[in-house]
């Protein structure tokens, strides 16, 4: 039986940023035992999750995203916080956050609108940009919020990078890394 594949648009991270996060996660995971850590090549900031997609809608979204982003410029982001989603004592998602940057929200709005115009029904929850690092707490003792600050390598020296491309990814859940780059939408140099 063929597994359904999903698609999503995301802000990709530069290779050197992914490697730095990988290095930091190798230390963090000694103190924060999550079940599954994200492969460093799969690190990204999701802008619009499409789910499974008809080819025509996917092509329409790509044309609209390309048009919407054509005059958008690359911009700087800084990773500075760690956070989690789910129950306070047993989080399901562990993530890194960037300092608020209006340009990120502008890019997300352009991509989100393009996908909606192409016919996709997207989540309407408010946008919380993040980089998923790991999933499913499996510690012997309950998770405590103080663990985020105690294990945050970015709080005193944020990790800066230039966001310079939006990517349409396809998921392959049986592979590692799981995400395949389908289309790349470069942002103009700063």
N, C-alpha and C. Protein backbone atom coordinates (compact mmCIF):
# COMPACT_ATOMS: atom_id res chain seq x y z
N UNK A 1 0.84 -1.18 0.00
CA UNK A 1 0.00 0.00 0.00
C UNK A 1 0.88 1.24 0.00
N UNK A 2 0.60 2.16 -0.89
CA UNK A 2 1.40 3.38 -1.02
C UNK A 2 1.04 4.38 0.08
N UNK A 3 2.06 4.90 0.74
CA UNK A 3 1.82 5.90 1.78
C UNK A 3 1.56 7.24 1.13
N UNK A 4 0.61 8.00 1.73
CA UNK A 4 0.36 9.35 1.22
C UNK A 4 1.52 10.23 1.59
N UNK A 5 1.93 11.04 0.65
CA UNK A 5 3.01 11.98 0.92
C UNK A 5 2.40 13.36 1.17
N UNK A 6 3.11 14.17 1.92
CA UNK A 6 2.64 15.52 2.22
C UNK A 6 3.63 16.54 1.68
N UNK A 7 3.14 17.75 1.53
CA UNK A 7 3.95 18.86 1.03
C UNK A 7 3.82 20.03 1.99
N UNK A 8 4.86 20.84 2.05
CA UNK A 8 4.80 22.07 2.84
C UNK A 8 5.83 23.07 2.32
N UNK A 9 5.52 24.34 2.52
CA UNK A 9 6.47 25.42 2.22
C UNK A 9 7.16 25.80 3.52
N UNK A 10 8.47 26.05 3.41
CA UNK A 10 9.23 26.42 4.60
C UNK A 10 10.36 27.36 4.25
N UNK A 11 10.79 28.09 5.24
CA UNK A 11 12.02 28.87 5.14
C UNK A 11 13.14 27.89 5.46
N UNK A 12 14.04 27.70 4.52
CA UNK A 12 15.13 26.76 4.78
C UNK A 12 16.22 27.46 5.57
N UNK A 13 17.04 26.68 6.23
CA UNK A 13 18.16 27.21 6.99
C UNK A 13 19.44 26.94 6.22
N UNK A 14 20.41 27.85 6.28
CA UNK A 14 21.69 27.59 5.62
C UNK A 14 22.38 26.36 6.21
N UNK A 15 23.17 25.67 5.40
CA UNK A 15 23.85 24.45 5.84
C UNK A 15 24.66 24.65 7.10
N UNK A 16 25.41 25.77 7.17
CA UNK A 16 26.26 26.00 8.35
C UNK A 16 25.42 26.20 9.61
N UNK A 17 24.22 26.76 9.47
CA UNK A 17 23.32 26.94 10.62
C UNK A 17 22.80 25.58 11.07
N UNK A 18 22.43 24.73 10.11
CA UNK A 18 21.97 23.38 10.45
C UNK A 18 23.05 22.60 11.19
N UNK A 19 24.29 22.73 10.73
CA UNK A 19 25.39 22.01 11.37
C UNK A 19 25.64 22.53 12.79
N UNK A 20 25.52 23.83 13.00
CA UNK A 20 25.70 24.40 14.34
C UNK A 20 24.59 23.92 15.27
N UNK A 21 23.36 23.87 14.78
CA UNK A 21 22.25 23.37 15.59
C UNK A 21 22.47 21.89 15.91
N UNK A 22 22.93 21.12 14.92
CA UNK A 22 23.23 19.70 15.14
C UNK A 22 24.25 19.54 16.27
N UNK A 23 25.29 20.35 16.23
CA UNK A 23 26.34 20.31 17.25
C UNK A 23 25.76 20.62 18.63
N UNK A 24 24.94 21.66 18.72
CA UNK A 24 24.33 22.03 20.00
C UNK A 24 23.36 20.96 20.48
N UNK A 25 22.60 20.37 19.57
CA UNK A 25 21.64 19.32 19.94
C UNK A 25 22.34 18.08 20.47
N UNK A 26 23.55 17.80 19.98
CA UNK A 26 24.28 16.62 20.48
C UNK A 26 24.60 16.79 21.97
N UNK A 27 24.72 18.02 22.44
CA UNK A 27 24.94 18.30 23.86
C UNK A 27 23.60 18.33 24.61
N UNK A 28 22.63 19.03 24.04
CA UNK A 28 21.31 19.18 24.68
C UNK A 28 20.67 17.82 24.94
N UNK A 29 20.78 16.90 23.97
CA UNK A 29 20.07 15.61 24.09
C UNK A 29 20.56 14.77 25.26
N UNK A 30 21.74 15.07 25.79
CA UNK A 30 22.22 14.34 26.97
C UNK A 30 21.38 14.68 28.20
N UNK A 31 20.82 15.89 28.23
CA UNK A 31 20.03 16.35 29.37
C UNK A 31 18.52 16.34 29.11
N UNK A 32 18.14 16.33 27.85
CA UNK A 32 16.72 16.36 27.49
C UNK A 32 16.40 15.14 26.62
N UNK A 33 15.98 14.05 27.25
CA UNK A 33 15.76 12.81 26.50
C UNK A 33 14.42 12.79 25.76
N UNK A 34 14.45 13.25 24.52
CA UNK A 34 13.28 13.13 23.65
C UNK A 34 13.44 11.87 22.81
N UNK A 35 12.32 11.31 22.38
CA UNK A 35 12.33 10.04 21.64
C UNK A 35 12.96 10.17 20.26
N UNK A 36 12.58 11.23 19.52
CA UNK A 36 13.08 11.37 18.15
C UNK A 36 13.64 12.77 17.93
N UNK A 37 14.90 12.82 17.53
CA UNK A 37 15.54 14.10 17.21
C UNK A 37 15.49 14.28 15.70
N UNK A 38 15.21 15.48 15.26
CA UNK A 38 15.09 15.79 13.84
C UNK A 38 16.48 15.74 13.20
N UNK A 39 16.57 15.08 12.04
CA UNK A 39 17.82 15.06 11.27
C UNK A 39 18.17 16.51 10.94
N UNK A 40 19.44 16.87 11.08
CA UNK A 40 19.81 18.28 10.87
C UNK A 40 19.48 18.79 9.46
N UNK A 41 19.48 17.91 8.46
CA UNK A 41 19.13 18.34 7.10
C UNK A 41 17.64 18.69 6.98
N UNK A 42 16.83 18.25 7.94
CA UNK A 42 15.39 18.52 7.91
C UNK A 42 14.98 19.77 8.70
N UNK A 43 15.92 20.48 9.28
CA UNK A 43 15.60 21.68 10.07
C UNK A 43 15.09 22.79 9.15
N UNK A 44 14.00 23.44 9.56
CA UNK A 44 13.36 24.48 8.75
C UNK A 44 12.36 25.24 9.61
N UNK A 45 11.77 26.29 9.06
CA UNK A 45 10.66 27.01 9.68
C UNK A 45 9.46 26.87 8.74
N UNK A 46 8.46 26.11 9.15
CA UNK A 46 7.29 25.89 8.30
C UNK A 46 6.51 27.19 8.11
N UNK A 47 6.14 27.44 6.86
CA UNK A 47 5.34 28.62 6.51
C UNK A 47 3.90 28.24 6.17
N UNK A 48 3.72 27.09 5.51
CA UNK A 48 2.38 26.61 5.14
C UNK A 48 2.44 25.11 4.94
N UNK A 49 1.64 24.38 5.73
CA UNK A 49 1.55 22.92 5.57
C UNK A 49 0.38 22.62 4.66
N UNK A 50 0.67 21.95 3.53
CA UNK A 50 -0.36 21.69 2.53
C UNK A 50 -1.04 20.34 2.70
N UNK A 51 -0.36 19.38 3.32
CA UNK A 51 -0.88 18.03 3.37
C UNK A 51 -0.67 17.36 2.03
N UNK A 52 -1.53 16.38 1.72
CA UNK A 52 -1.44 15.75 0.39
C UNK A 52 -1.97 16.76 -0.62
N UNK A 53 -1.52 16.65 -1.86
CA UNK A 53 -1.85 17.71 -2.81
C UNK A 53 -2.03 17.18 -4.22
N UNK A 54 -3.04 17.72 -4.90
CA UNK A 54 -3.24 17.46 -6.32
C UNK A 54 -2.15 18.20 -7.09
N UNK A 55 -1.67 17.59 -8.16
CA UNK A 55 -0.58 18.18 -8.94
C UNK A 55 -0.93 19.59 -9.43
N UNK A 56 -2.17 19.79 -9.90
CA UNK A 56 -2.57 21.08 -10.45
C UNK A 56 -2.51 22.17 -9.37
N UNK A 57 -3.01 21.85 -8.17
CA UNK A 57 -2.99 22.83 -7.08
C UNK A 57 -1.55 23.12 -6.65
N UNK A 58 -0.73 22.10 -6.65
CA UNK A 58 0.68 22.27 -6.27
C UNK A 58 1.38 23.20 -7.27
N UNK A 59 1.14 22.96 -8.57
CA UNK A 59 1.73 23.82 -9.60
C UNK A 59 1.21 25.25 -9.50
N UNK A 60 -0.08 25.40 -9.23
CA UNK A 60 -0.66 26.74 -9.09
C UNK A 60 -0.03 27.46 -7.90
N UNK A 61 0.14 26.75 -6.79
CA UNK A 61 0.74 27.38 -5.61
C UNK A 61 2.18 27.80 -5.89
N UNK A 62 2.92 26.98 -6.63
CA UNK A 62 4.31 27.32 -6.95
C UNK A 62 4.38 28.60 -7.79
N UNK A 63 3.50 28.72 -8.77
CA UNK A 63 3.49 29.92 -9.62
C UNK A 63 3.14 31.15 -8.79
N UNK A 64 2.18 31.02 -7.89
CA UNK A 64 1.75 32.15 -7.06
C UNK A 64 2.81 32.52 -6.02
N UNK A 65 3.47 31.52 -5.44
CA UNK A 65 4.55 31.80 -4.48
C UNK A 65 5.70 32.50 -5.19
N UNK A 66 6.06 32.00 -6.37
CA UNK A 66 7.15 32.62 -7.14
C UNK A 66 6.83 34.09 -7.42
N UNK A 67 5.61 34.35 -7.87
CA UNK A 67 5.18 35.72 -8.18
C UNK A 67 5.21 36.59 -6.91
N UNK A 68 4.69 36.06 -5.81
CA UNK A 68 4.61 36.82 -4.57
C UNK A 68 5.96 37.15 -3.97
N UNK A 69 6.93 36.25 -4.15
CA UNK A 69 8.25 36.45 -3.53
C UNK A 69 9.25 37.16 -4.43
N UNK A 70 8.87 37.48 -5.67
CA UNK A 70 9.86 37.96 -6.64
C UNK A 70 10.61 39.22 -6.20
N UNK A 71 9.98 40.08 -5.42
CA UNK A 71 10.65 41.31 -4.98
C UNK A 71 11.08 41.27 -3.51
N UNK A 72 10.96 40.10 -2.90
CA UNK A 72 11.32 39.99 -1.48
C UNK A 72 12.81 39.75 -1.31
N UNK A 73 13.36 40.36 -0.27
CA UNK A 73 14.80 40.28 -0.03
C UNK A 73 15.12 39.32 1.12
N UNK A 74 16.33 38.77 1.07
CA UNK A 74 16.83 37.96 2.17
C UNK A 74 16.88 38.82 3.43
N UNK A 75 16.83 38.19 4.59
CA UNK A 75 16.83 38.93 5.85
C UNK A 75 17.51 38.10 6.94
N UNK A 76 17.89 38.77 8.00
CA UNK A 76 18.59 38.09 9.10
C UNK A 76 17.62 37.63 10.18
N UNK A 77 17.93 36.47 10.74
CA UNK A 77 17.20 35.93 11.88
C UNK A 77 18.20 35.51 12.94
N UNK A 78 17.73 35.47 14.19
CA UNK A 78 18.57 35.01 15.30
C UNK A 78 17.81 34.00 16.12
N UNK A 79 18.39 32.82 16.28
CA UNK A 79 17.82 31.80 17.16
C UNK A 79 18.26 32.14 18.58
N UNK A 80 17.28 32.25 19.49
CA UNK A 80 17.65 32.66 20.85
C UNK A 80 16.92 31.93 21.96
N UNK A 81 15.79 31.31 21.69
CA UNK A 81 15.01 30.65 22.74
C UNK A 81 14.72 29.21 22.39
N UNK A 82 14.44 28.42 23.42
CA UNK A 82 13.95 27.07 23.27
C UNK A 82 12.53 27.04 23.83
N UNK A 83 11.69 26.20 23.25
CA UNK A 83 10.32 26.10 23.73
C UNK A 83 9.76 24.73 23.47
N UNK A 84 8.49 24.55 23.83
CA UNK A 84 7.86 23.26 23.62
C UNK A 84 6.37 23.43 23.40
N UNK A 85 5.79 22.44 22.73
CA UNK A 85 4.35 22.35 22.56
C UNK A 85 3.91 21.06 23.25
N UNK A 86 2.70 21.08 23.78
CA UNK A 86 2.17 19.89 24.43
C UNK A 86 2.08 20.08 25.93
N UNK A 87 1.86 18.98 26.63
CA UNK A 87 1.73 19.02 28.09
C UNK A 87 3.02 19.51 28.74
N UNK A 88 2.89 20.31 29.77
CA UNK A 88 4.04 20.87 30.45
C UNK A 88 5.00 19.85 31.02
N UNK A 89 4.48 18.69 31.45
CA UNK A 89 5.34 17.67 32.06
C UNK A 89 5.80 16.61 31.06
N UNK A 90 5.25 16.64 29.85
CA UNK A 90 5.60 15.63 28.84
C UNK A 90 5.37 16.21 27.44
N UNK A 91 6.22 17.16 27.03
CA UNK A 91 5.98 17.84 25.74
C UNK A 91 6.08 16.89 24.55
N UNK A 92 5.31 17.21 23.51
CA UNK A 92 5.39 16.39 22.30
C UNK A 92 6.33 16.99 21.27
N UNK A 93 6.55 18.32 21.31
CA UNK A 93 7.46 18.99 20.38
C UNK A 93 8.42 19.89 21.16
N UNK A 94 9.71 19.77 20.86
CA UNK A 94 10.76 20.62 21.44
C UNK A 94 11.32 21.44 20.29
N UNK A 95 11.39 22.77 20.46
CA UNK A 95 11.76 23.62 19.33
C UNK A 95 12.66 24.78 19.73
N UNK A 96 13.27 25.38 18.72
CA UNK A 96 14.05 26.60 18.87
C UNK A 96 13.26 27.73 18.22
N UNK A 97 13.39 28.91 18.79
CA UNK A 97 12.63 30.07 18.34
C UNK A 97 13.59 31.16 17.86
N UNK A 98 13.09 32.00 16.97
CA UNK A 98 13.89 33.14 16.51
C UNK A 98 13.34 34.41 17.13
N UNK A 99 14.21 35.41 17.24
CA UNK A 99 13.74 36.72 17.69
C UNK A 99 12.74 37.22 16.67
N UNK A 100 11.71 37.91 17.15
CA UNK A 100 10.65 38.37 16.26
C UNK A 100 11.22 39.26 15.16
N UNK A 101 10.90 38.92 13.94
CA UNK A 101 11.36 39.67 12.76
C UNK A 101 10.17 39.82 11.83
N UNK A 102 9.72 41.04 11.63
CA UNK A 102 8.53 41.30 10.81
C UNK A 102 8.64 40.72 9.40
N UNK A 103 9.83 40.71 8.85
CA UNK A 103 10.04 40.19 7.48
C UNK A 103 9.61 38.72 7.39
N UNK A 104 9.86 37.95 8.44
CA UNK A 104 9.45 36.54 8.46
C UNK A 104 7.93 36.44 8.35
N UNK A 105 7.22 37.29 9.05
CA UNK A 105 5.76 37.28 9.01
C UNK A 105 5.25 37.72 7.64
N UNK A 106 5.94 38.66 7.02
CA UNK A 106 5.58 39.11 5.67
C UNK A 106 5.72 37.96 4.68
N UNK A 107 6.86 37.27 4.73
CA UNK A 107 7.11 36.13 3.83
C UNK A 107 6.06 35.05 4.06
N UNK A 108 5.76 34.77 5.33
CA UNK A 108 4.76 33.75 5.65
C UNK A 108 3.41 34.15 5.08
N UNK A 109 3.01 35.42 5.23
CA UNK A 109 1.73 35.88 4.70
C UNK A 109 1.64 35.73 3.19
N UNK A 110 2.74 36.02 2.49
CA UNK A 110 2.77 35.88 1.03
C UNK A 110 2.57 34.42 0.64
N UNK A 111 3.31 33.52 1.28
CA UNK A 111 3.22 32.09 0.97
C UNK A 111 1.84 31.55 1.34
N UNK A 112 1.35 31.91 2.51
CA UNK A 112 0.04 31.45 2.98
C UNK A 112 -1.06 31.89 2.02
N UNK A 113 -1.03 33.16 1.63
CA UNK A 113 -2.05 33.69 0.70
C UNK A 113 -1.97 33.00 -0.66
N UNK A 114 -0.76 32.76 -1.15
CA UNK A 114 -0.59 32.08 -2.44
C UNK A 114 -1.19 30.68 -2.39
N UNK A 115 -0.96 29.97 -1.31
CA UNK A 115 -1.48 28.60 -1.17
C UNK A 115 -3.00 28.60 -1.06
N UNK A 116 -3.54 29.55 -0.33
CA UNK A 116 -4.99 29.67 -0.20
C UNK A 116 -5.61 29.99 -1.56
N UNK A 117 -4.98 30.91 -2.29
CA UNK A 117 -5.47 31.28 -3.63
C UNK A 117 -5.42 30.08 -4.58
N UNK A 118 -4.45 29.19 -4.38
CA UNK A 118 -4.32 28.00 -5.23
C UNK A 118 -5.35 26.92 -4.86
N UNK A 119 -6.10 27.15 -3.77
CA UNK A 119 -7.17 26.22 -3.40
C UNK A 119 -6.91 25.38 -2.17
N UNK A 120 -5.78 25.58 -1.51
CA UNK A 120 -5.48 24.79 -0.31
C UNK A 120 -6.24 25.33 0.90
N UNK A 121 -6.73 24.42 1.73
CA UNK A 121 -7.35 24.78 3.01
C UNK A 121 -6.27 24.61 4.07
N UNK A 122 -5.80 25.73 4.60
CA UNK A 122 -4.68 25.71 5.54
C UNK A 122 -5.15 25.93 6.97
N UNK A 123 -4.27 25.53 7.91
CA UNK A 123 -4.55 25.77 9.33
C UNK A 123 -4.75 27.25 9.58
N UNK A 124 -5.68 27.58 10.45
CA UNK A 124 -5.93 28.99 10.74
C UNK A 124 -5.39 29.42 12.11
N UNK A 125 -4.68 28.51 12.79
CA UNK A 125 -4.04 28.89 14.06
C UNK A 125 -3.06 30.02 13.79
N UNK A 126 -2.84 30.85 14.81
CA UNK A 126 -1.88 31.94 14.62
C UNK A 126 -0.49 31.36 14.37
N UNK A 127 0.27 32.07 13.57
CA UNK A 127 1.61 31.64 13.16
C UNK A 127 2.57 31.74 14.34
N UNK A 128 3.20 30.63 14.69
CA UNK A 128 4.22 30.59 15.74
C UNK A 128 5.49 30.02 15.11
N UNK A 129 6.33 30.90 14.53
CA UNK A 129 7.52 30.38 13.85
C UNK A 129 8.43 29.64 14.82
N UNK A 130 8.91 28.49 14.39
CA UNK A 130 9.80 27.68 15.22
C UNK A 130 10.54 26.67 14.36
N UNK A 131 11.62 26.14 14.92
CA UNK A 131 12.41 25.09 14.27
C UNK A 131 12.28 23.86 15.15
N UNK A 132 11.55 22.85 14.70
CA UNK A 132 11.39 21.64 15.50
C UNK A 132 12.73 20.92 15.62
N UNK A 133 13.12 20.63 16.87
CA UNK A 133 14.38 19.94 17.14
C UNK A 133 14.16 18.47 17.49
N UNK A 134 13.08 18.19 18.24
CA UNK A 134 12.84 16.81 18.70
C UNK A 134 11.36 16.63 19.01
N UNK A 135 10.97 15.35 19.14
CA UNK A 135 9.57 15.00 19.43
C UNK A 135 9.50 13.96 20.55
N UNK A 136 8.44 14.04 21.32
CA UNK A 136 8.04 13.06 22.34
C UNK A 136 9.04 12.91 23.49
N UNK A 137 8.72 13.59 24.59
CA UNK A 137 9.50 13.48 25.82
C UNK A 137 9.48 12.04 26.32
N UNK A 138 10.63 11.52 26.72
CA UNK A 138 10.69 10.17 27.27
C UNK A 138 11.58 10.12 28.51
N UNK A 139 11.65 11.22 29.24
CA UNK A 139 12.46 11.27 30.45
C UNK A 139 11.89 10.41 31.56
N UNK A 140 12.75 9.98 32.47
CA UNK A 140 12.31 9.19 33.62
C UNK A 140 11.49 10.04 34.59
N UNK A 141 11.81 11.32 34.64
CA UNK A 141 11.04 12.23 35.49
C UNK A 141 10.31 13.22 34.58
N UNK A 142 9.28 13.89 35.12
CA UNK A 142 8.53 14.84 34.29
C UNK A 142 9.40 15.98 33.80
N UNK A 143 9.07 16.47 32.63
CA UNK A 143 9.73 17.64 32.07
C UNK A 143 9.36 18.84 32.93
N UNK A 144 10.27 19.77 33.09
CA UNK A 144 9.98 21.02 33.79
C UNK A 144 10.45 22.18 32.93
N UNK A 145 9.65 23.24 32.89
CA UNK A 145 9.93 24.39 32.03
C UNK A 145 11.33 24.98 32.26
N UNK A 146 11.84 24.87 33.47
CA UNK A 146 13.18 25.41 33.78
C UNK A 146 14.27 24.71 32.97
N UNK A 147 13.99 23.50 32.50
CA UNK A 147 14.96 22.74 31.70
C UNK A 147 15.28 23.46 30.39
N UNK A 148 14.34 24.23 29.88
CA UNK A 148 14.57 24.95 28.63
C UNK A 148 15.69 25.96 28.80
N UNK A 149 15.60 26.77 29.83
CA UNK A 149 16.60 27.81 30.08
C UNK A 149 17.95 27.19 30.45
N UNK A 150 17.91 26.14 31.28
CA UNK A 150 19.14 25.49 31.73
C UNK A 150 19.93 24.87 30.58
N UNK A 151 19.25 24.49 29.52
CA UNK A 151 19.90 23.79 28.40
C UNK A 151 19.93 24.61 27.12
N UNK A 152 19.78 25.93 27.24
CA UNK A 152 19.71 26.78 26.06
C UNK A 152 21.08 27.37 25.71
N UNK A 153 21.72 26.85 24.66
CA UNK A 153 23.03 27.38 24.26
C UNK A 153 22.93 28.72 23.53
N UNK A 154 21.71 29.13 23.18
CA UNK A 154 21.52 30.34 22.38
C UNK A 154 21.14 31.58 23.20
N UNK A 155 20.83 31.40 24.50
CA UNK A 155 20.32 32.54 25.26
C UNK A 155 21.34 33.65 25.42
N UNK A 156 22.61 33.31 25.63
CA UNK A 156 23.65 34.33 25.79
C UNK A 156 24.35 34.67 24.49
N UNK A 157 24.31 33.76 23.53
CA UNK A 157 24.91 34.05 22.22
C UNK A 157 23.99 33.50 21.13
N UNK A 158 23.00 34.32 20.73
CA UNK A 158 22.05 33.89 19.69
C UNK A 158 22.78 33.46 18.41
N UNK A 159 22.19 32.49 17.73
CA UNK A 159 22.74 31.98 16.47
C UNK A 159 22.11 32.78 15.33
N UNK A 160 22.91 33.59 14.66
CA UNK A 160 22.42 34.44 13.57
C UNK A 160 22.61 33.75 12.22
N UNK A 161 21.65 33.97 11.33
CA UNK A 161 21.78 33.46 9.97
C UNK A 161 20.95 34.31 9.02
N UNK A 162 21.27 34.19 7.74
CA UNK A 162 20.51 34.90 6.71
C UNK A 162 19.50 33.95 6.10
N UNK A 163 18.24 34.34 6.15
CA UNK A 163 17.16 33.57 5.53
C UNK A 163 17.10 34.03 4.07
N UNK A 164 17.46 33.13 3.16
CA UNK A 164 17.56 33.56 1.76
C UNK A 164 16.80 32.69 0.77
N UNK A 165 15.99 31.74 1.28
CA UNK A 165 15.17 30.97 0.33
C UNK A 165 13.98 30.32 1.02
N UNK A 166 12.90 30.25 0.27
CA UNK A 166 11.72 29.49 0.65
C UNK A 166 11.76 28.23 -0.21
N UNK A 167 11.38 27.11 0.39
CA UNK A 167 11.44 25.82 -0.32
C UNK A 167 10.10 25.10 -0.19
N UNK A 168 9.68 24.47 -1.28
CA UNK A 168 8.56 23.54 -1.23
C UNK A 168 9.16 22.16 -0.99
N UNK A 169 8.77 21.54 0.11
CA UNK A 169 9.28 20.22 0.48
C UNK A 169 8.20 19.15 0.31
N UNK A 170 8.67 17.93 0.04
CA UNK A 170 7.81 16.75 0.03
C UNK A 170 8.32 15.82 1.12
N UNK A 171 7.41 15.23 1.90
CA UNK A 171 7.82 14.33 2.98
C UNK A 171 7.97 12.90 2.48
N UNK A 172 8.96 12.22 3.05
CA UNK A 172 9.17 10.79 2.83
C UNK A 172 9.41 10.19 4.22
N UNK A 173 8.35 9.76 4.87
CA UNK A 173 8.44 9.34 6.27
C UNK A 173 9.32 8.12 6.49
N UNK A 174 9.56 7.35 5.43
CA UNK A 174 10.38 6.14 5.57
C UNK A 174 11.86 6.41 5.30
N UNK A 175 12.23 7.67 5.10
CA UNK A 175 13.63 8.00 4.80
C UNK A 175 14.21 8.91 5.88
N UNK A 176 15.52 9.04 5.86
CA UNK A 176 16.21 10.00 6.72
C UNK A 176 17.37 10.58 5.94
N UNK A 177 17.40 11.89 5.71
CA UNK A 177 16.39 12.88 6.07
C UNK A 177 15.05 12.62 5.38
N UNK A 178 13.99 13.18 5.96
CA UNK A 178 12.62 12.91 5.51
C UNK A 178 12.11 13.86 4.43
N UNK A 179 12.73 15.02 4.30
CA UNK A 179 12.18 16.06 3.44
C UNK A 179 13.00 16.26 2.18
N UNK A 180 12.30 16.21 1.04
CA UNK A 180 12.93 16.41 -0.27
C UNK A 180 12.56 17.79 -0.80
N UNK A 181 13.57 18.51 -1.27
CA UNK A 181 13.35 19.84 -1.86
C UNK A 181 12.75 19.66 -3.25
N UNK A 182 11.54 20.18 -3.46
CA UNK A 182 10.84 20.07 -4.74
C UNK A 182 11.05 21.32 -5.58
N UNK A 183 10.88 22.49 -4.96
CA UNK A 183 11.08 23.78 -5.64
C UNK A 183 11.74 24.75 -4.68
N UNK A 184 12.62 25.59 -5.22
CA UNK A 184 13.33 26.57 -4.42
C UNK A 184 12.97 27.96 -4.92
N UNK A 185 12.68 28.86 -3.99
CA UNK A 185 12.30 30.23 -4.30
C UNK A 185 13.29 31.16 -3.60
N UNK A 186 14.37 31.55 -4.31
CA UNK A 186 15.39 32.39 -3.67
C UNK A 186 14.86 33.79 -3.36
N UNK A 187 15.33 34.33 -2.26
CA UNK A 187 15.05 35.72 -1.91
C UNK A 187 16.24 36.54 -2.38
N UNK A 188 15.99 37.73 -2.89
CA UNK A 188 17.07 38.57 -3.42
C UNK A 188 18.08 38.90 -2.33
N UNK A 189 19.33 39.12 -2.73
CA UNK A 189 20.37 39.49 -1.77
C UNK A 189 19.96 40.75 -1.03
N UNK A 190 20.43 40.81 0.22
CA UNK A 190 20.11 41.97 1.07
C UNK A 190 20.61 43.26 0.45
